[in-house]
């Protein structure tokens, strides 16, 4: 297995063959641009300037070539950066696990569909958090850690709609967030608990966020049924980092469970019976894991 440009060549060539548009093929250069409805404003501006330069009576073609040499169309720059990033990640995963079968992936219609879908989403975003999440979805799919096709489509639709703040909050809640609801009634399932917002809004990196934005995002997660709230019954074990394990019951007494809780603005005070814990639902847990870097055994 010989690396090529830092990326294992069969992996790179296979990936490029899937996401490189026909009009950019080295064997067939077409003057037809991409569908304008899918271009970013920067690409539209790029096309307009090229047309204007080309209309110059003398030296127009040279001006176009100079412009092309200096200004790379944003959509193509994003595509190349995405291809390089995913290709390198696939190569790294292959070198560490040896579980990626290029022949199998090239014939795996489900994987190819996901790869094309994530590429389209990646080209439309510059947010690194989203790009990392999409790349992890590709890696998980490549090594066989994937939910059903319907869930994959639903998850990618959420990635497209959600902000990086949605994704970060889901990661926190997936590890458990404890907070006090003392003095307030048990809230309804799809209501935003009154003390959850000030608690999570005072936590670490979230302290500087606008509370209105935070409220909108948490309400979005609640109404999409991605969060569940539990009441601590007993703390069964504590850890040096402040996290703890506890038995919990869902409010209104519908079910009980045991879980590990890693976050809380006053975790040392609130890790006691009667405190509330917000966790992701089973569906949201699958969503978070699908967008997380696949584990690699040492």
C-alpha atoms as a PDB file:
ATOM      1  CA  UNK A   1       0.000   0.000   0.000  1.00  0.00           C
ATOM      2  CA  UNK A   2       1.774   3.081  -1.249  1.00  0.00           C
ATOM      3  CA  UNK A   3       0.630   6.496  -0.059  1.00  0.00           C
ATOM      4  CA  UNK A   4      -0.029   9.117  -2.694  1.00  0.00           C
ATOM      5  CA  UNK A   5       0.148  12.800  -1.731  1.00  0.00           C
ATOM      6  CA  UNK A   6      -0.382  11.822   1.891  1.00  0.00           C
ATOM      7  CA  UNK A   7      -3.522   9.840   1.084  1.00  0.00           C
ATOM      8  CA  UNK A   8      -3.618   6.175   0.220  1.00  0.00           C
ATOM      9  CA  UNK A   9      -4.064   6.284  -3.571  1.00  0.00           C
ATOM     10  CA  UNK A  10      -6.938   3.789  -4.066  1.00  0.00           C
ATOM     11  CA  UNK A  11      -8.896   5.505  -1.301  1.00  0.00           C
ATOM     12  CA  UNK A  12      -8.194   8.902  -2.794  1.00  0.00           C
ATOM     13  CA  UNK A  13      -9.033   7.903  -6.363  1.00  0.00           C
ATOM     14  CA  UNK A  14     -12.225   6.121  -5.272  1.00  0.00           C
ATOM     15  CA  UNK A  15     -13.357   9.107  -3.246  1.00  0.00           C
ATOM     16  CA  UNK A  16     -12.543  11.619  -6.004  1.00  0.00           C
ATOM     17  CA  UNK A  17     -14.414   9.538  -8.575  1.00  0.00           C
ATOM     18  CA  UNK A  18     -17.568   9.807  -6.487  1.00  0.00           C
ATOM     19  CA  UNK A  19     -17.584  13.507  -5.681  1.00  0.00           C
ATOM     20  CA  UNK A  20     -15.747  15.087  -8.638  1.00  0.00           C
ATOM     21  CA  UNK A  21     -18.390  16.563 -10.971  1.00  0.00           C
ATOM     22  CA  UNK A  22     -18.314  15.480 -14.653  1.00  0.00           C
ATOM     23  CA  UNK A  23     -17.678  18.978 -15.951  1.00  0.00           C
ATOM     24  CA  UNK A  24     -14.358  19.046 -14.053  1.00  0.00           C
ATOM     25  CA  UNK A  25     -13.109  15.714 -15.401  1.00  0.00           C
ATOM     26  CA  UNK A  26      -9.617  15.889 -16.857  1.00  0.00           C
ATOM     27  CA  UNK A  27     -10.913  13.899 -19.828  1.00  0.00           C
ATOM     28  CA  UNK A  28     -13.899  16.124 -20.477  1.00  0.00           C
ATOM     29  CA  UNK A  29     -13.732  19.813 -19.641  1.00  0.00           C
ATOM     30  CA  UNK A  30     -17.154  21.342 -20.118  1.00  0.00           C
ATOM     31  CA  UNK A  31     -17.924  25.041 -20.150  1.00  0.00           C
ATOM     32  CA  UNK A  32     -21.258  24.319 -18.453  1.00  0.00           C
ATOM     33  CA  UNK A  33     -21.187  25.665 -14.897  1.00  0.00           C
ATOM     34  CA  UNK A  34     -22.840  24.003 -11.899  1.00  0.00           C
ATOM     35  CA  UNK A  35     -26.544  24.511 -11.281  1.00  0.00           C
ATOM     36  CA  UNK A  36     -26.771  28.172 -10.197  1.00  0.00           C
ATOM     37  CA  UNK A  37     -29.278  27.267  -7.504  1.00  0.00           C
ATOM     38  CA  UNK A  38     -26.534  25.309  -5.769  1.00  0.00           C
ATOM     39  CA  UNK A  39     -23.807  27.939  -6.075  1.00  0.00           C
ATOM     40  CA  UNK A  40     -22.723  30.169  -3.237  1.00  0.00           C
ATOM     41  CA  UNK A  41     -22.813  33.978  -3.715  1.00  0.00           C
ATOM     42  CA  UNK A  42     -19.045  33.901  -4.094  1.00  0.00           C
ATOM     43  CA  UNK A  43     -19.293  31.523  -7.059  1.00  0.00           C
ATOM     44  CA  UNK A  44     -21.972  33.659  -8.726  1.00  0.00           C
ATOM     45  CA  UNK A  45     -19.730  36.706  -8.354  1.00  0.00           C
ATOM     46  CA  UNK A  46     -16.825  34.700  -9.722  1.00  0.00           C
ATOM     47  CA  UNK A  47     -18.853  33.756 -12.817  1.00  0.00           C
ATOM     48  CA  UNK A  48     -19.985  37.359 -13.363  1.00  0.00           C
ATOM     49  CA  UNK A  49     -16.422  38.698 -13.210  1.00  0.00           C
ATOM     50  CA  UNK A  50     -15.222  36.010 -15.613  1.00  0.00           C
ATOM     51  CA  UNK A  51     -17.967  36.973 -18.076  1.00  0.00           C
ATOM     52  CA  UNK A  52     -17.129  40.665 -17.774  1.00  0.00           C
ATOM     53  CA  UNK A  53     -13.422  40.064 -18.303  1.00  0.00           C
ATOM     54  CA  UNK A  54     -14.118  37.798 -21.261  1.00  0.00           C
ATOM     55  CA  UNK A  55     -16.092  40.589 -22.951  1.00  0.00           C
ATOM     56  CA  UNK A  56     -13.078  42.905 -23.021  1.00  0.00           C
ATOM     57  CA  UNK A  57     -12.179  43.334 -26.730  1.00  0.00           C
ATOM     58  CA  UNK A  58      -8.403  43.171 -26.286  1.00  0.00           C
ATOM     59  CA  UNK A  59      -6.740  40.920 -23.779  1.00  0.00           C
ATOM     60  CA  UNK A  60     -10.035  39.573 -22.429  1.00  0.00           C
ATOM     61  CA  UNK A  61      -8.989  35.910 -22.499  1.00  0.00           C
ATOM     62  CA  UNK A  62      -5.718  36.694 -20.785  1.00  0.00           C
ATOM     63  CA  UNK A  63      -7.608  38.609 -18.105  1.00  0.00           C
ATOM     64  CA  UNK A  64      -9.886  35.633 -17.563  1.00  0.00           C
ATOM     65  CA  UNK A  65      -6.910  33.300 -17.209  1.00  0.00           C
ATOM     66  CA  UNK A  66      -5.239  35.693 -14.787  1.00  0.00           C
ATOM     67  CA  UNK A  67      -8.446  35.914 -12.756  1.00  0.00           C
ATOM     68  CA  UNK A  68      -8.793  32.123 -12.671  1.00  0.00           C
ATOM     69  CA  UNK A  69      -5.201  31.774 -11.538  1.00  0.00           C
ATOM     70  CA  UNK A  70      -5.636  34.249  -8.692  1.00  0.00           C
ATOM     71  CA  UNK A  71      -9.199  33.584  -7.507  1.00  0.00           C
ATOM     72  CA  UNK A  72     -10.229  29.973  -7.008  1.00  0.00           C
ATOM     73  CA  UNK A  73     -14.009  29.536  -7.158  1.00  0.00           C
ATOM     74  CA  UNK A  74     -15.167  29.087  -3.553  1.00  0.00           C
ATOM     75  CA  UNK A  75     -17.248  26.023  -4.291  1.00  0.00           C
ATOM     76  CA  UNK A  76     -14.308  24.196  -5.858  1.00  0.00           C
ATOM     77  CA  UNK A  77     -11.982  25.215  -3.047  1.00  0.00           C
ATOM     78  CA  UNK A  78     -14.434  23.828  -0.515  1.00  0.00           C
ATOM     79  CA  UNK A  79     -14.841  20.619  -2.506  1.00  0.00           C
ATOM     80  CA  UNK A  80     -11.083  20.066  -2.714  1.00  0.00           C
ATOM     81  CA  UNK A  81     -10.566  20.790   0.993  1.00  0.00           C
ATOM     82  CA  UNK A  82     -13.394  18.411   1.910  1.00  0.00           C
ATOM     83  CA  UNK A  83     -12.046  15.648  -0.356  1.00  0.00           C
ATOM     84  CA  UNK A  84      -8.564  16.022   1.067  1.00  0.00           C
ATOM     85  CA  UNK A  85      -9.834  16.004   4.655  1.00  0.00           C
ATOM     86  CA  UNK A  86     -12.050  12.933   4.254  1.00  0.00           C
ATOM     87  CA  UNK A  87      -9.480  11.093   2.155  1.00  0.00           C
ATOM     88  CA  UNK A  88      -6.799  11.641   4.793  1.00  0.00           C
ATOM     89  CA  UNK A  89      -9.198  10.572   7.563  1.00  0.00           C
ATOM     90  CA  UNK A  90     -10.132   7.382   5.702  1.00  0.00           C
ATOM     91  CA  UNK A  91      -6.466   6.651   5.153  1.00  0.00           C
ATOM     92  CA  UNK A  92      -5.689   7.184   8.852  1.00  0.00           C
ATOM     93  CA  UNK A  93      -8.584   4.951   9.891  1.00  0.00           C
ATOM     94  CA  UNK A  94      -7.445   2.250   7.479  1.00  0.00           C
ATOM     95  CA  UNK A  95      -3.867   2.395   8.775  1.00  0.00           C
ATOM     96  CA  UNK A  96      -5.034   2.078  12.401  1.00  0.00           C
ATOM     97  CA  UNK A  97      -7.774  -0.510  12.031  1.00  0.00           C
ATOM     98  CA  UNK A  98      -7.313  -2.261   8.690  1.00  0.00           C
ATOM     99  CA  UNK A  99     -11.105  -2.528   8.478  1.00  0.00           C
ATOM    100  CA  UNK A 100     -11.780  -0.492   5.334  1.00  0.00           C
ATOM    101  CA  UNK A 101     -12.275  -2.611   2.224  1.00  0.00           C
ATOM    102  CA  UNK A 102     -12.093  -0.380  -0.859  1.00  0.00           C
ATOM    103  CA  UNK A 103     -13.678  -2.970  -3.130  1.00  0.00           C
ATOM    104  CA  UNK A 104     -16.577  -3.422  -0.751  1.00  0.00           C
ATOM    105  CA  UNK A 105     -17.103   0.324  -0.312  1.00  0.00           C
ATOM    106  CA  UNK A 106     -17.020   0.942  -4.058  1.00  0.00           C
ATOM    107  CA  UNK A 107     -19.930  -1.485  -4.410  1.00  0.00           C
ATOM    108  CA  UNK A 108     -21.802  -0.325  -1.301  1.00  0.00           C
ATOM    109  CA  UNK A 109     -24.666   1.819  -2.586  1.00  0.00           C
ATOM    110  CA  UNK A 110     -25.646   2.894   0.929  1.00  0.00           C
ATOM    111  CA  UNK A 111     -22.145   4.196   1.653  1.00  0.00           C
ATOM    112  CA  UNK A 112     -21.902   5.942  -1.721  1.00  0.00           C
ATOM    113  CA  UNK A 113     -25.239   7.688  -1.168  1.00  0.00           C
ATOM    114  CA  UNK A 114     -24.116   8.880   2.260  1.00  0.00           C
ATOM    115  CA  UNK A 115     -20.776  10.066   0.895  1.00  0.00           C
ATOM    116  CA  UNK A 116     -22.435  12.094  -1.839  1.00  0.00           C
ATOM    117  CA  UNK A 117     -24.973  13.554   0.617  1.00  0.00           C
ATOM    118  CA  UNK A 118     -22.315  14.577   3.145  1.00  0.00           C
ATOM    119  CA  UNK A 119     -20.238  16.126   0.361  1.00  0.00           C
ATOM    120  CA  UNK A 120     -23.169  18.286  -0.744  1.00  0.00           C
ATOM    121  CA  UNK A 121     -23.731  19.438   2.845  1.00  0.00           C
ATOM    122  CA  UNK A 122     -20.024  20.073   3.418  1.00  0.00           C
ATOM    123  CA  UNK A 123     -19.775  22.315   0.370  1.00  0.00           C
ATOM    124  CA  UNK A 124     -22.595  24.447   1.743  1.00  0.00           C
ATOM    125  CA  UNK A 125     -20.931  25.104   5.111  1.00  0.00           C
ATOM    126  CA  UNK A 126     -17.760  26.729   6.380  1.00  0.00           C
ATOM    127  CA  UNK A 127     -18.345  25.825  10.053  1.00  0.00           C
ATOM    128  CA  UNK A 128     -15.632  23.429  11.173  1.00  0.00           C
ATOM    129  CA  UNK A 129     -17.872  21.777  13.756  1.00  0.00           C
ATOM    130  CA  UNK A 130     -20.298  20.757  11.022  1.00  0.00           C
ATOM    131  CA  UNK A 131     -17.520  19.613   8.703  1.00  0.00           C
ATOM    132  CA  UNK A 132     -16.057  17.433  11.460  1.00  0.00           C
ATOM    133  CA  UNK A 133     -19.485  15.933  12.206  1.00  0.00           C
ATOM    134  CA  UNK A 134     -20.065  15.112   8.525  1.00  0.00           C
ATOM    135  CA  UNK A 135     -16.588  13.611   8.205  1.00  0.00           C
ATOM    136  CA  UNK A 136     -17.212  11.415  11.237  1.00  0.00           C
ATOM    137  CA  UNK A 137     -20.472  10.217   9.670  1.00  0.00           C
ATOM    138  CA  UNK A 138     -18.498   9.084   6.617  1.00  0.00           C
ATOM    139  CA  UNK A 139     -15.883   7.328   8.778  1.00  0.00           C
ATOM    140  CA  UNK A 140     -18.509   5.536  10.859  1.00  0.00           C
ATOM    141  CA  UNK A 141     -20.306   4.404   7.733  1.00  0.00           C
ATOM    142  CA  UNK A 142     -17.050   3.218   6.145  1.00  0.00           C
ATOM    143  CA  UNK A 143     -16.244   0.963   9.103  1.00  0.00           C
ATOM    144  CA  UNK A 144     -19.796  -0.362   9.392  1.00  0.00           C
ATOM    145  CA  UNK A 145     -20.998   1.710  12.366  1.00  0.00           C
ATOM    146  CA  UNK A 146     -24.122   3.098  10.771  1.00  0.00           C
ATOM    147  CA  UNK A 147     -27.812   3.323  11.660  1.00  0.00           C
ATOM    148  CA  UNK A 148     -30.585   2.421   9.214  1.00  0.00           C
ATOM    149  CA  UNK A 149     -30.719   4.298   5.919  1.00  0.00           C
ATOM    150  CA  UNK A 150     -33.828   6.201   7.005  1.00  0.00           C
ATOM    151  CA  UNK A 151     -32.113   7.305  10.202  1.00  0.00           C
ATOM    152  CA  UNK A 152     -29.000   8.344   8.280  1.00  0.00           C
ATOM    153  CA  UNK A 153     -31.134  10.579   6.046  1.00  0.00           C
ATOM    154  CA  UNK A 154     -32.935  12.030   9.066  1.00  0.00           C
ATOM    155  CA  UNK A 155     -29.646  12.634  10.883  1.00  0.00           C
ATOM    156  CA  UNK A 156     -28.065  14.407   7.919  1.00  0.00           C
ATOM    157  CA  UNK A 157     -31.158  16.597   7.598  1.00  0.00           C
ATOM    158  CA  UNK A 158     -30.684  17.598  11.236  1.00  0.00           C
ATOM    159  CA  UNK A 159     -26.995  18.372  10.680  1.00  0.00           C
ATOM    160  CA  UNK A 160     -27.982  20.597   7.763  1.00  0.00           C
ATOM    161  CA  UNK A 161     -30.559  22.471   9.865  1.00  0.00           C
ATOM    162  CA  UNK A 162     -28.786  22.577  13.225  1.00  0.00           C
ATOM    163  CA  UNK A 163     -26.120  25.061  14.264  1.00  0.00           C
ATOM    164  CA  UNK A 164     -22.819  24.050  15.847  1.00  0.00           C
ATOM    165  CA  UNK A 165     -24.393  25.110  19.163  1.00  0.00           C
ATOM    166  CA  UNK A 166     -27.102  22.452  18.719  1.00  0.00           C
ATOM    167  CA  UNK A 167     -24.400  19.833  18.189  1.00  0.00           C
ATOM    168  CA  UNK A 168     -22.320  21.004  21.165  1.00  0.00           C
ATOM    169  CA  UNK A 169     -25.314  20.979  23.519  1.00  0.00           C
ATOM    170  CA  UNK A 170     -26.251  17.488  22.389  1.00  0.00           C
ATOM    171  CA  UNK A 171     -22.729  16.308  23.204  1.00  0.00           C
ATOM    172  CA  UNK A 172     -23.003  17.788  26.714  1.00  0.00           C
ATOM    173  CA  UNK A 173     -26.461  16.363  27.357  1.00  0.00           C
ATOM    174  CA  UNK A 174     -25.417  12.980  25.975  1.00  0.00           C
ATOM    175  CA  UNK A 175     -22.927  12.757  28.859  1.00  0.00           C
ATOM    176  CA  UNK A 176     -25.527  13.933  31.391  1.00  0.00           C
ATOM    177  CA  UNK A 177     -26.127  17.404  32.835  1.00  0.00           C
ATOM    178  CA  UNK A 178     -27.302  17.732  36.448  1.00  0.00           C
ATOM    179  CA  UNK A 179     -29.208  20.777  37.719  1.00  0.00           C
ATOM    180  CA  UNK A 180     -31.518  21.814  40.544  1.00  0.00           C
ATOM    181  CA  UNK A 181     -35.229  22.372  40.019  1.00  0.00           C
ATOM    182  CA  UNK A 182     -35.872  22.986  43.706  1.00  0.00           C
ATOM    183  CA  UNK A 183     -38.919  25.138  44.358  1.00  0.00           C
ATOM    184  CA  UNK A 184     -40.407  24.604  40.902  1.00  0.00           C
ATOM    185  CA  UNK A 185     -43.113  22.133  39.781  1.00  0.00           C
ATOM    186  CA  UNK A 186     -42.317  19.188  37.527  1.00  0.00           C
ATOM    187  CA  UNK A 187     -42.444  20.594  33.975  1.00  0.00           C
ATOM    188  CA  UNK A 188     -44.296  19.062  31.042  1.00  0.00           C
ATOM    189  CA  UNK A 189     -42.365  16.755  28.704  1.00  0.00           C
ATOM    190  CA  UNK A 190     -42.168  19.229  25.807  1.00  0.00           C
ATOM    191  CA  UNK A 191     -41.773  22.359  27.935  1.00  0.00           C
ATOM    192  CA  UNK A 192     -38.448  24.038  28.697  1.00  0.00           C
ATOM    193  CA  UNK A 193     -37.874  23.476  32.447  1.00  0.00           C
ATOM    194  CA  UNK A 194     -37.556  26.904  34.120  1.00  0.00           C
ATOM    195  CA  UNK A 195     -34.208  26.241  35.812  1.00  0.00           C
ATOM    196  CA  UNK A 196     -32.492  24.347  32.996  1.00  0.00           C
ATOM    197  CA  UNK A 197     -31.710  27.459  30.960  1.00  0.00           C
ATOM    198  CA  UNK A 198     -29.984  29.447  33.742  1.00  0.00           C
ATOM    199  CA  UNK A 199     -28.103  26.308  34.785  1.00  0.00           C
ATOM    200  CA  UNK A 200     -26.741  25.346  31.367  1.00  0.00           C
ATOM    201  CA  UNK A 201     -26.225  29.037  30.541  1.00  0.00           C
ATOM    202  CA  UNK A 202     -23.850  29.358  33.491  1.00  0.00           C
ATOM    203  CA  UNK A 203     -21.797  26.332  32.505  1.00  0.00           C
ATOM    204  CA  UNK A 204     -18.219  26.752  31.284  1.00  0.00           C
ATOM    205  CA  UNK A 205     -17.941  27.746  27.632  1.00  0.00           C
ATOM    206  CA  UNK A 206     -21.684  28.539  27.444  1.00  0.00           C
ATOM    207  CA  UNK A 207     -21.439  31.369  29.973  1.00  0.00           C
ATOM    208  CA  UNK A 208     -20.746  34.016  27.320  1.00  0.00           C
ATOM    209  CA  UNK A 209     -23.609  33.000  25.016  1.00  0.00           C
ATOM    210  CA  UNK A 210     -26.699  35.105  24.485  1.00  0.00           C
ATOM    211  CA  UNK A 211     -29.450  33.592  26.662  1.00  0.00           C
ATOM    212  CA  UNK A 212     -32.109  34.172  24.001  1.00  0.00           C
ATOM    213  CA  UNK A 213     -30.120  32.169  21.465  1.00  0.00           C
ATOM    214  CA  UNK A 214     -29.482  29.443  24.033  1.00  0.00           C
ATOM    215  CA  UNK A 215     -33.200  29.302  24.831  1.00  0.00           C
ATOM    216  CA  UNK A 216     -34.108  28.953  21.150  1.00  0.00           C
ATOM    217  CA  UNK A 217     -31.626  26.113  20.645  1.00  0.00           C
ATOM    218  CA  UNK A 218     -32.646  24.173  23.774  1.00  0.00           C
ATOM    219  CA  UNK A 219     -36.338  24.567  22.903  1.00  0.00           C
ATOM    220  CA  UNK A 220     -35.482  23.216  19.467  1.00  0.00           C
ATOM    221  CA  UNK A 221     -33.890  20.133  21.019  1.00  0.00           C
ATOM    222  CA  UNK A 222     -36.814  19.626  23.402  1.00  0.00           C
ATOM    223  CA  UNK A 223     -39.532  19.989  20.751  1.00  0.00           C
ATOM    224  CA  UNK A 224     -37.659  17.569  18.493  1.00  0.00           C
ATOM    225  CA  UNK A 225     -37.809  15.074  21.384  1.00  0.00           C
ATOM    226  CA  UNK A 226     -34.033  14.783  21.570  1.00  0.00           C
ATOM    227  CA  UNK A 227     -33.821  15.404  25.342  1.00  0.00           C
ATOM    228  CA  UNK A 228     -35.196  13.611  28.395  1.00  0.00           C
ATOM    229  CA  UNK A 229     -35.250  14.764  32.009  1.00  0.00           C
ATOM    230  CA  UNK A 230     -34.733  12.476  35.001  1.00  0.00           C
ATOM    231  CA  UNK A 231     -34.830  12.856  38.777  1.00  0.00           C
ATOM    232  CA  UNK A 232     -31.907  11.517  40.821  1.00  0.00           C
ATOM    233  CA  UNK A 233     -32.962   8.853  43.325  1.00  0.00           C
ATOM    234  CA  UNK A 234     -29.603   7.703  44.721  1.00  0.00           C
ATOM    235  CA  UNK A 235     -25.960   8.500  44.001  1.00  0.00           C
ATOM    236  CA  UNK A 236     -24.165   5.154  43.736  1.00  0.00           C
ATOM    237  CA  UNK A 237     -20.610   6.284  43.000  1.00  0.00           C
ATOM    238  CA  UNK A 238     -18.603   9.495  42.732  1.00  0.00           C
ATOM    239  CA  UNK A 239     -15.382  10.151  40.800  1.00  0.00           C
ATOM    240  CA  UNK A 240     -12.419  12.473  41.279  1.00  0.00           C
ATOM    241  CA  UNK A 241     -13.410  14.632  38.301  1.00  0.00           C
ATOM    242  CA  UNK A 242     -16.762  15.414  39.969  1.00  0.00           C
ATOM    243  CA  UNK A 243     -18.821  13.112  37.766  1.00  0.00           C
ATOM    244  CA  UNK A 244     -21.009  10.445  39.325  1.00  0.00           C
ATOM    245  CA  UNK A 245     -23.226   7.447  38.745  1.00  0.00           C
ATOM    246  CA  UNK A 246     -26.781   7.434  40.013  1.00  0.00           C
ATOM    247  CA  UNK A 247     -30.108   5.700  39.824  1.00  0.00           C
ATOM    248  CA  UNK A 248     -32.803   7.908  38.332  1.00  0.00           C
ATOM    249  CA  UNK A 249     -36.498   7.875  37.632  1.00  0.00           C
ATOM    250  CA  UNK A 250     -38.292   9.660  34.871  1.00  0.00           C
ATOM    251  CA  UNK A 251     -40.718  12.226  36.190  1.00  0.00           C
ATOM    252  CA  UNK A 252     -44.300  11.026  36.518  1.00  0.00           C
ATOM    253  CA  UNK A 253     -42.835   7.609  37.428  1.00  0.00           C
ATOM    254  CA  UNK A 254     -42.893   6.044  33.967  1.00  0.00           C
ATOM    255  CA  UNK A 255     -39.456   4.417  33.976  1.00  0.00           C
ATOM    256  CA  UNK A 256     -36.204   4.120  35.929  1.00  0.00           C
ATOM    257  CA  UNK A 257     -32.564   3.737  34.945  1.00  0.00           C
ATOM    258  CA  UNK A 258     -28.965   4.121  36.053  1.00  0.00           C
ATOM    259  CA  UNK A 259     -26.579   6.526  34.394  1.00  0.00           C
ATOM    260  CA  UNK A 260     -23.273   8.351  34.525  1.00  0.00           C
ATOM    261  CA  UNK A 261     -23.456  12.160  34.794  1.00  0.00           C
ATOM    262  CA  UNK A 262     -20.447  14.193  33.708  1.00  0.00           C
ATOM    263  CA  UNK A 263     -21.606  17.815  33.639  1.00  0.00           C
ATOM    264  CA  UNK A 264     -23.254  20.408  35.865  1.00  0.00           C
ATOM    265  CA  UNK A 265     -22.620  24.019  36.818  1.00  0.00           C
ATOM    266  CA  UNK A 266     -22.727  23.011  40.514  1.00  0.00           C
ATOM    267  CA  UNK A 267     -22.163  19.291  40.096  1.00  0.00           C
ATOM    268  CA  UNK A 268     -20.632  18.756  43.576  1.00  0.00           C
ATOM    269  CA  UNK A 269     -23.696  20.341  45.191  1.00  0.00           C
ATOM    270  CA  UNK A 270     -26.356  18.953  42.865  1.00  0.00           C
ATOM    271  CA  UNK A 271     -25.235  15.313  42.843  1.00  0.00           C
ATOM    272  CA  UNK A 272     -27.873  14.373  45.405  1.00  0.00           C
ATOM    273  CA  UNK A 273     -31.352  12.839  45.457  1.00  0.00           C
ATOM    274  CA  UNK A 274     -34.006  15.166  44.051  1.00  0.00           C
ATOM    275  CA  UNK A 275     -31.763  16.920  41.532  1.00  0.00           C
ATOM    276  CA  UNK A 276     -32.622  16.710  37.851  1.00  0.00           C
ATOM    277  CA  UNK A 277     -30.515  15.208  35.080  1.00  0.00           C
ATOM    278  CA  UNK A 278     -31.025  16.041  31.407  1.00  0.00           C
ATOM    279  CA  UNK A 279     -29.846  13.382  28.949  1.00  0.00           C
ATOM    280  CA  UNK A 280     -30.287  12.698  25.261  1.00  0.00           C
ATOM    281  CA  UNK A 281     -33.040  10.321  24.193  1.00  0.00           C
ATOM    282  CA  UNK A 282     -32.126   6.967  22.668  1.00  0.00           C
ATOM    283  CA  UNK A 283     -32.552   8.449  19.187  1.00  0.00           C
ATOM    284  CA  UNK A 284     -30.428  11.483  19.983  1.00  0.00           C
ATOM    285  CA  UNK A 285     -27.770   9.203  21.486  1.00  0.00           C
ATOM    286  CA  UNK A 286     -27.535   7.396  18.139  1.00  0.00           C
ATOM    287  CA  UNK A 287     -27.317  10.772  16.404  1.00  0.00           C
ATOM    288  CA  UNK A 288     -24.435  11.929  18.620  1.00  0.00           C
ATOM    289  CA  UNK A 289     -22.511   8.670  18.172  1.00  0.00           C
ATOM    290  CA  UNK A 290     -22.990   8.726  14.387  1.00  0.00           C
ATOM    291  CA  UNK A 291     -21.392  12.185  14.293  1.00  0.00           C
ATOM    292  CA  UNK A 292     -18.570  11.342  16.715  1.00  0.00           C
ATOM    293  CA  UNK A 293     -15.137  10.099  15.748  1.00  0.00           C
ATOM    294  CA  UNK A 294     -15.212   6.297  15.569  1.00  0.00           C
ATOM    295  CA  UNK A 295     -13.335   4.600  18.396  1.00  0.00           C
ATOM    296  CA  UNK A 296     -10.004   3.015  17.531  1.00  0.00           C
ATOM    297  CA  UNK A 297      -8.697   0.181  19.659  1.00  0.00           C
ATOM    298  CA  UNK A 298      -5.108   0.730  20.739  1.00  0.00           C
END
